[in-house]
Protein backbone atom coordinates (compact mmCIF):
# COMPACT_ATOMS: atom_id res chain seq x y z
CA MET A 1 93.08 108.40 117.63
CA LEU A 2 93.17 106.80 114.20
CA ASN A 3 95.92 107.79 111.95
CA ILE A 4 94.24 108.66 108.67
CA ASP A 5 95.97 109.81 105.51
CA LEU A 6 93.97 110.22 102.53
CA HIS A 7 96.43 111.60 99.86
CA CYS A 8 99.64 110.02 98.58
CA HIS A 9 101.34 108.92 95.40
CA SER A 10 103.11 105.80 94.06
CA ASN A 11 105.43 105.29 91.13
CA VAL A 12 102.13 104.70 88.98
CA SER A 13 102.26 108.43 88.99
CA ASP A 14 104.98 110.77 90.14
CA GLY A 15 105.96 109.09 93.35
CA VAL A 16 109.01 106.91 93.59
CA LEU A 17 107.97 103.91 95.73
CA PRO A 18 106.09 101.05 94.12
CA PRO A 19 102.11 100.94 95.63
CA ALA A 20 103.07 97.94 97.91
CA ASP A 21 106.18 99.92 99.21
CA VAL A 22 103.94 102.88 99.96
CA VAL A 23 101.56 100.94 101.87
CA ALA A 24 104.46 99.47 103.87
CA ARG A 25 105.83 102.71 104.63
CA ALA A 26 102.58 103.84 105.86
CA ALA A 27 102.02 100.80 108.14
CA ALA A 28 105.57 101.42 109.62
CA ASN A 29 104.56 104.94 110.31
CA GLY A 30 101.43 103.98 112.26
CA VAL A 31 99.00 104.44 109.67
CA HIS A 32 95.49 102.74 110.32
CA VAL A 33 93.75 103.98 106.99
CA LEU A 34 95.30 105.09 103.74
CA ALA A 35 94.26 106.24 100.45
CA LEU A 36 96.34 105.76 97.31
CA THR A 37 95.54 108.73 95.23
CA ASP A 38 97.76 108.64 92.21
CA HIS A 39 97.31 111.24 89.49
CA ASP A 40 94.79 110.57 86.85
CA ASP A 41 95.58 106.57 87.08
CA VAL A 42 94.10 103.90 89.55
CA ALA A 43 96.72 101.15 87.99
CA GLY A 44 98.42 100.98 91.59
CA ILE A 45 95.29 100.05 93.74
CA ALA A 46 95.19 96.45 93.19
CA ALA A 47 98.63 96.00 94.51
CA ALA A 48 98.30 98.44 97.23
CA GLN A 49 95.17 96.44 98.24
CA ALA A 50 97.07 93.38 98.46
CA ALA A 51 99.83 95.05 100.69
CA ALA A 52 97.25 96.44 102.87
CA ASP A 53 95.46 93.32 103.49
CA ALA A 54 98.96 91.67 104.59
CA ALA A 55 99.75 94.49 106.80
CA GLY A 56 96.38 94.83 108.49
CA LEU A 57 95.97 98.41 107.14
CA THR A 58 92.63 99.70 105.68
CA LEU A 59 93.21 100.95 101.98
CA ILE A 60 90.62 103.46 100.59
CA PRO A 61 90.85 103.55 96.78
CA GLY A 62 91.35 106.85 95.32
CA VAL A 63 92.51 109.20 92.55
CA GLU A 64 93.53 112.55 92.07
CA ILE A 65 92.08 114.09 88.88
CA SER A 66 93.70 117.39 87.10
CA VAL A 67 91.08 119.83 86.26
CA SER A 68 91.16 123.32 84.73
CA TRP A 69 89.11 125.81 86.17
CA GLY A 70 89.69 129.65 86.47
CA GLY A 71 92.87 129.59 84.29
CA GLN A 72 94.57 127.42 86.71
CA THR A 73 95.25 123.91 87.44
CA VAL A 74 93.09 122.30 90.20
CA HIS A 75 93.49 118.97 91.68
CA ILE A 76 90.23 116.93 92.63
CA VAL A 77 90.69 113.71 94.79
CA GLY A 78 88.44 110.89 94.75
CA LEU A 79 87.83 108.89 97.60
CA ARG A 80 86.30 105.43 98.06
CA ILE A 81 86.12 105.22 94.18
CA ASP A 82 85.36 102.13 92.43
CA PRO A 83 88.57 101.92 90.22
CA GLN A 84 86.80 99.54 87.56
CA HIS A 85 84.15 101.89 86.98
CA SER A 86 83.81 102.29 83.11
CA VAL A 87 83.09 106.35 83.07
CA LEU A 88 85.88 107.11 85.49
CA ALA A 89 88.38 104.76 83.46
CA ALA A 90 87.39 106.43 80.02
CA GLY A 91 87.80 109.84 81.72
CA LEU A 92 91.23 109.01 83.16
CA ALA A 93 92.43 107.38 79.91
CA ASP A 94 91.55 110.55 78.12
CA ILE A 95 93.51 112.83 80.57
CA ARG A 96 96.70 110.49 80.38
CA ARG A 97 96.59 110.97 76.63
CA GLY A 98 96.75 114.66 77.17
CA ARG A 99 99.68 114.41 79.69
CA ILE A 100 101.99 112.82 77.13
CA GLU A 101 101.21 115.67 74.66
CA ARG A 102 102.18 118.14 77.30
CA ALA A 103 105.28 116.49 78.41
CA HIS A 104 106.48 116.98 74.74
CA ARG A 105 105.58 120.55 74.71
CA MET A 106 107.32 121.11 78.18
CA SER A 107 110.52 119.36 76.59
CA ASP A 108 110.46 121.69 73.65
CA ASP A 109 110.03 124.66 75.79
CA LEU A 110 113.14 123.89 78.05
CA ALA A 111 114.91 122.90 74.83
CA ARG A 112 114.36 126.69 73.62
CA SER A 113 116.07 127.77 76.71
CA GLY A 114 119.16 125.78 76.26
CA ILE A 115 118.47 122.47 78.04
CA ALA A 116 117.88 119.68 75.42
CA GLY A 117 116.73 116.29 76.04
CA ALA A 118 114.06 116.95 78.86
CA TYR A 119 111.56 114.44 77.71
CA GLU A 120 113.79 111.64 77.30
CA GLY A 121 115.11 112.38 80.66
CA ALA A 122 111.88 112.75 82.32
CA TYR A 123 110.59 109.47 80.65
CA ASP A 124 113.46 107.61 82.28
CA PHE A 125 112.18 108.84 85.81
CA ALA A 126 108.75 107.66 85.06
CA VAL A 127 107.73 104.00 85.88
CA ASN A 128 104.37 104.55 84.33
CA LYS A 129 105.21 106.04 80.79
CA GLU A 130 101.60 107.32 80.49
CA MET A 131 102.31 109.71 83.31
CA VAL A 132 105.47 111.67 82.49
CA GLY A 133 104.73 114.70 84.31
CA ARG A 134 106.25 117.99 86.15
CA THR A 135 107.83 115.81 89.08
CA HIS A 136 109.57 113.77 86.62
CA PHE A 137 110.99 116.87 84.67
CA ALA A 138 112.16 118.48 87.97
CA ARG A 139 114.04 115.21 89.21
CA TRP A 140 115.66 115.02 85.91
CA LEU A 141 116.73 118.70 86.28
CA VAL A 142 118.07 118.12 89.61
CA ALA A 143 119.94 114.98 88.53
CA GLY A 144 121.54 116.92 85.69
CA GLY A 145 122.73 119.84 88.07
CA HIS A 146 120.25 122.43 86.60
CA ALA A 147 118.80 122.79 90.26
CA PRO A 148 120.19 122.00 93.71
CA ASP A 149 116.83 120.48 94.79
CA MET A 150 113.24 119.83 93.98
CA ARG A 151 111.80 122.96 95.34
CA THR A 152 114.24 124.97 93.28
CA ALA A 153 113.71 123.15 90.30
CA PHE A 154 109.84 123.81 90.26
CA LYS A 155 110.78 127.67 91.22
CA ARG A 156 113.28 127.98 88.30
CA PHE A 157 111.40 126.02 85.77
CA LEU A 158 107.99 124.34 85.21
CA THR A 159 105.99 127.05 86.72
CA ARG A 160 104.15 129.92 85.09
CA GLY A 161 106.54 132.46 83.48
CA HIS A 162 109.59 129.98 83.71
CA PRO A 163 111.12 127.52 81.02
CA GLY A 164 109.29 124.28 81.01
CA TYR A 165 106.06 125.79 81.70
CA VAL A 166 103.03 125.27 79.00
CA GLU A 167 99.55 125.94 79.23
CA HIS A 168 97.38 122.87 79.01
CA GLU A 169 93.66 122.20 79.28
CA TRP A 170 92.77 119.40 81.48
CA THR A 171 89.15 118.16 82.12
CA SER A 172 86.43 120.20 83.66
CA LEU A 173 85.49 120.55 87.26
CA GLU A 174 82.16 119.26 86.19
CA ASN A 175 83.54 116.11 84.56
CA ALA A 176 86.21 115.34 87.52
CA VAL A 177 83.40 115.43 90.09
CA GLY A 178 80.84 113.48 87.83
CA TRP A 179 83.38 110.84 87.29
CA ILE A 180 84.08 110.45 90.91
CA ARG A 181 80.27 110.42 92.04
CA ALA A 182 79.52 108.00 89.18
CA SER A 183 81.87 105.55 90.66
CA GLY A 184 80.64 105.80 94.01
CA GLY A 185 83.14 108.17 95.34
CA MET A 186 83.33 111.29 97.29
CA ALA A 187 85.09 114.41 95.87
CA VAL A 188 87.51 116.45 97.57
CA VAL A 189 89.24 119.69 96.72
CA ALA A 190 93.24 118.69 97.06
CA HIS A 191 95.46 121.32 98.77
CA PRO A 192 93.61 124.53 98.23
CA GLY A 193 96.46 126.63 99.73
CA ARG A 194 98.55 125.76 96.53
CA TYR A 195 96.37 127.62 94.22
CA ALA A 196 97.01 131.39 93.11
CA PHE A 197 93.29 132.39 93.64
CA ASN A 198 92.33 135.47 95.63
CA ALA A 199 89.60 134.93 98.28
CA ARG A 200 86.80 135.70 95.89
CA GLU A 201 88.16 133.40 93.13
CA LEU A 202 88.67 130.52 95.75
CA HIS A 203 85.02 131.03 96.93
CA LEU A 204 83.73 130.76 93.47
CA LEU A 205 85.69 127.83 93.07
CA LEU A 206 84.30 126.21 96.44
CA ASP A 207 80.66 127.30 95.28
CA ALA A 208 81.03 125.52 92.04
CA PHE A 209 82.27 122.63 93.63
CA ARG A 210 79.82 122.24 96.00
CA ALA A 211 76.92 122.86 93.36
CA LEU A 212 78.32 119.75 91.43
CA GLY A 213 78.07 117.36 94.46
CA GLY A 214 81.62 117.94 95.72
CA GLU A 215 81.87 116.98 99.60
CA GLY A 216 85.28 117.60 100.91
CA ILE A 217 88.34 119.84 100.98
CA GLU A 218 91.87 119.06 102.51
CA VAL A 219 92.57 121.06 105.51
CA ILE A 220 95.59 119.43 106.82
CA THR A 221 98.01 118.51 104.04
CA GLY A 222 101.63 118.75 103.31
CA SER A 223 101.21 121.60 101.09
CA HIS A 224 99.68 124.01 103.90
CA HIS A 225 101.76 125.92 106.39
CA PRO A 226 100.54 125.28 109.82
CA SER A 227 99.45 128.90 109.99
CA GLU A 228 96.84 128.03 107.11
CA TYR A 229 95.23 125.09 108.82
CA GLY A 230 92.73 127.19 110.76
CA LYS A 231 91.71 129.10 107.50
CA PHE A 232 90.80 125.99 105.42
CA ALA A 233 89.15 124.55 108.47
CA ASP A 234 86.97 127.79 108.70
CA LEU A 235 86.25 127.62 104.83
CA ALA A 236 85.37 123.95 105.19
CA ARG A 237 82.75 124.97 107.95
CA ALA A 238 81.52 128.01 105.95
CA PHE A 239 81.02 126.09 102.70
CA GLY A 240 79.44 122.98 104.34
CA LEU A 241 82.31 120.80 103.21
CA LYS A 242 83.79 118.00 105.08
CA ALA A 243 87.63 118.22 106.00
CA SER A 244 90.21 115.72 104.83
CA ARG A 245 93.86 114.92 105.90
CA GLY A 246 96.43 113.79 103.60
CA ALA A 247 100.51 114.18 103.35
CA ASP A 248 100.24 114.45 99.54
CA PHE A 249 103.49 112.28 100.09
CA HIS A 250 105.72 111.43 96.70
CA ALA A 251 109.10 110.32 98.24
CA PRO A 252 111.08 109.96 101.34
CA GLY A 253 112.94 113.13 101.84
CA GLU A 254 110.28 115.14 99.70
CA GLY A 255 108.02 117.05 102.01
CA ILE A 256 106.02 115.45 104.84
CA ASP A 257 106.09 111.59 105.28
CA ILE A 258 103.04 109.34 105.14
CA GLY A 259 100.98 109.64 108.35
CA ARG A 260 102.98 112.50 110.08
CA LEU A 261 100.45 115.59 109.94
CA PRO A 262 98.65 116.80 113.02
CA ALA A 263 95.01 115.91 113.68
CA LEU A 264 92.34 117.92 112.17
CA PRO A 265 90.87 120.90 114.29
CA HIS A 266 88.35 119.58 116.59
CA TYR A 267 85.41 121.61 114.94
CA CYS A 268 85.83 119.93 111.61
CA GLN A 269 83.65 117.18 110.26
CA PRO A 270 85.88 114.70 108.86
CA VAL A 271 85.40 113.20 105.37
CA TRP A 272 85.70 109.92 106.96
CA GLN A 273 82.86 110.20 109.38
CA GLY A 274 80.55 107.11 109.16
CA TRP A 275 82.84 105.13 106.82
CA PRO A 276 82.23 101.51 107.67
CA GLU A 277 85.90 100.69 106.70
CA LEU A 278 86.82 102.21 109.92
CA ALA A 279 84.93 99.92 112.05
CA ALA A 280 87.90 97.31 112.32
CA HIS A 281 90.16 99.97 114.01
CA LEU A 282 87.62 101.21 116.63
CA SER A 283 86.85 99.74 119.74
CA PRO A 284 83.08 98.40 120.15
CA SER A 285 82.12 101.32 122.15
CA LEU A 286 83.28 103.53 119.36
CA ALA A 287 82.30 101.53 116.24
């Protein structure tokens, strides 16, 4: 069975490893096909591609786009995108400008709770200075002794109702799916188990996503408990969506490692079914 991981991050967004090191870690973990899906930026894909070519690993160009829908932030992964496409590039640049403004407001909110210097601290943790985000704030909070670990940092700060959380309007679902499709890619709902939607709201999201041309949903991901895999596999089948698998790797020791997830349930239709990029890893009888 091919080891396919279609969701991971480098230090171009909120991961800690450079793109080439992410690829090297994936190769060491036995991954055959990897998608680099940094938040709202594709600047790491060229370096990742060079590393993948050297390692004999197939790289799928990807991105994870921040969307506002139903009063919450939803993430849409784009797979097999053209990272140079002008429509996608312009849309992502606009989101990154909003990220910096949000980071300053997060810092101001933490300062009102007695935690000063958060923006500067988070900024130091971000390699890509256009991408200062919640994970960088969380790492700074842990380093400063405000929380013992990343999970607690997010639970105590940076989430709705807690210091450091600010409302922010990302792009629309229509824009995100449209940009991905315009660039030749496939749109996938990332980690649906992370959203605080009830069943009706989640169904409305998937209906809207499918109507816009969205094609997939993450079933096996680092954000899902194993008890949830069947639930999201069933939703994929019910809504006519293909199933994806991705660790959502950010850093060694943070969550599930690249390529360490179980296989998709046997009755799912994988997002990668029919991709010509997989042919190099298949025997002639399976290609």
